[in-house]
Every structure is written in C-alpha cells, then in structure tokens.
Protein backbone atom coordinates (compact mmCIF):
# COMPACT_ATOMS: atom_id res chain seq x y z
CA MET A 1 98.14 92.81 74.57
CA ASN A 2 98.75 92.72 70.71
CA ALA A 3 95.82 92.70 68.60
CA GLU A 4 97.30 90.95 65.96
CA ILE A 5 96.80 87.16 66.12
CA LYS A 6 99.77 85.09 64.92
CA LYS A 7 98.77 81.71 63.45
CA ILE A 8 100.80 78.56 64.60
CA VAL A 9 100.22 75.80 62.13
CA ILE A 10 101.21 72.24 63.80
CA THR A 11 101.14 68.97 61.59
CA SER A 12 100.59 66.49 64.99
CA GLU A 13 97.02 66.84 66.71
CA TYR A 14 98.41 69.26 69.38
CA ILE A 15 100.96 71.63 71.04
CA THR A 16 101.90 71.28 74.46
CA LEU A 17 101.42 75.04 75.81
CA GLY A 18 105.34 74.72 76.80
CA GLN A 19 106.11 73.85 72.97
CA LEU A 20 104.34 77.05 72.22
CA LEU A 21 106.97 78.99 74.07
CA LYS A 22 109.37 76.94 72.47
CA PHE A 23 108.28 77.72 68.80
CA THR A 24 107.55 80.96 69.05
CA HIS A 25 110.81 81.66 70.96
CA ILE A 26 109.79 83.14 74.55
CA ILE A 27 111.48 81.36 75.99
CA SER A 28 114.64 79.56 74.76
CA LEU A 29 114.83 76.20 77.06
CA GLY A 30 112.76 74.03 78.04
CA SER A 31 114.31 74.60 81.75
CA GLN A 32 112.38 77.94 81.20
CA GLU A 33 108.33 76.99 81.15
CA LYS A 34 107.76 76.15 84.35
CA SER A 35 109.35 79.74 85.82
CA TYR A 36 107.64 81.59 82.71
CA LEU A 37 104.24 80.57 83.96
CA ALA A 38 105.16 81.43 87.17
CA SER A 39 105.51 84.45 86.36
CA HIS A 40 103.74 85.58 83.12
CA GLN A 41 99.40 85.64 82.87
CA VAL A 42 98.79 83.03 80.03
CA LEU A 43 95.34 83.03 78.59
CA VAL A 44 93.95 79.37 77.06
CA ASN A 45 90.84 80.58 75.27
CA GLY A 46 90.05 83.38 77.64
CA VAL A 47 90.79 81.15 81.08
CA ALA A 48 93.82 81.22 82.42
CA ASP A 49 96.27 78.60 82.79
CA ASN A 50 100.03 78.07 83.83
CA ARG A 51 100.06 74.20 82.57
CA ARG A 52 102.85 73.22 80.70
CA GLY A 53 101.86 70.31 79.34
CA ARG A 54 98.47 71.72 78.60
CA LYS A 55 97.55 70.53 75.33
CA LEU A 56 96.42 72.97 72.26
CA TYR A 57 94.42 71.92 69.40
CA PRO A 58 93.70 73.90 66.31
CA GLY A 59 91.15 76.17 67.63
CA ASP A 60 92.74 76.89 70.42
CA LYS A 61 93.60 80.76 71.23
CA VAL A 62 96.70 81.76 73.29
CA SER A 63 97.42 84.91 74.88
CA LEU A 64 100.51 86.20 76.28
CA GLU A 65 101.99 89.42 77.11
CA GLN A 66 104.13 88.88 73.74
CA GLY A 67 101.06 88.32 71.53
CA SER A 68 98.01 85.88 70.86
CA PHE A 69 98.23 82.95 68.88
CA GLU A 70 95.72 80.64 67.04
CA ILE A 71 96.64 77.17 66.74
CA VAL A 72 95.70 76.02 63.19
CA LYS A 73 96.11 72.70 61.40
C-alpha cells in the first residue's frame, strides 16, 4: 500500500465509505460500491470493514490498495 496519506477534507460531520470511494475516483458510480467492497480489502483505522455506509469522521484513516486517506475537517 502507498505510504503517503492523502488528506480528504470534509465540510459535513462525516462522509460514508461509499462516498469516499466516489470522491477519490476509485469507483465512478454508486452502484459499484458493493462489488468493490466485496472484492477489495479496506481497512478503517487498521480494521477490515466493507460497509459502504460506514461513517468516517475527522481523524479516521482508510487504507486501500490504491492508497491511504485521512479524513480531516
């Protein structure tokens, strides 16, 4: 996995894991969320999680094979 952590700035209280995948252009359509999460390892704060509705708050870190992201406000 990529060692550089990209910061994702949000203006709301949280962003969902599915929204993060679309925002970072890992997927292009919301209908791809479920299949992506079923076939790729996603770590949220070091713990595997495949729930597209998982709420990500400032300070949360997400690791994917495409890179690592930190949610910031």
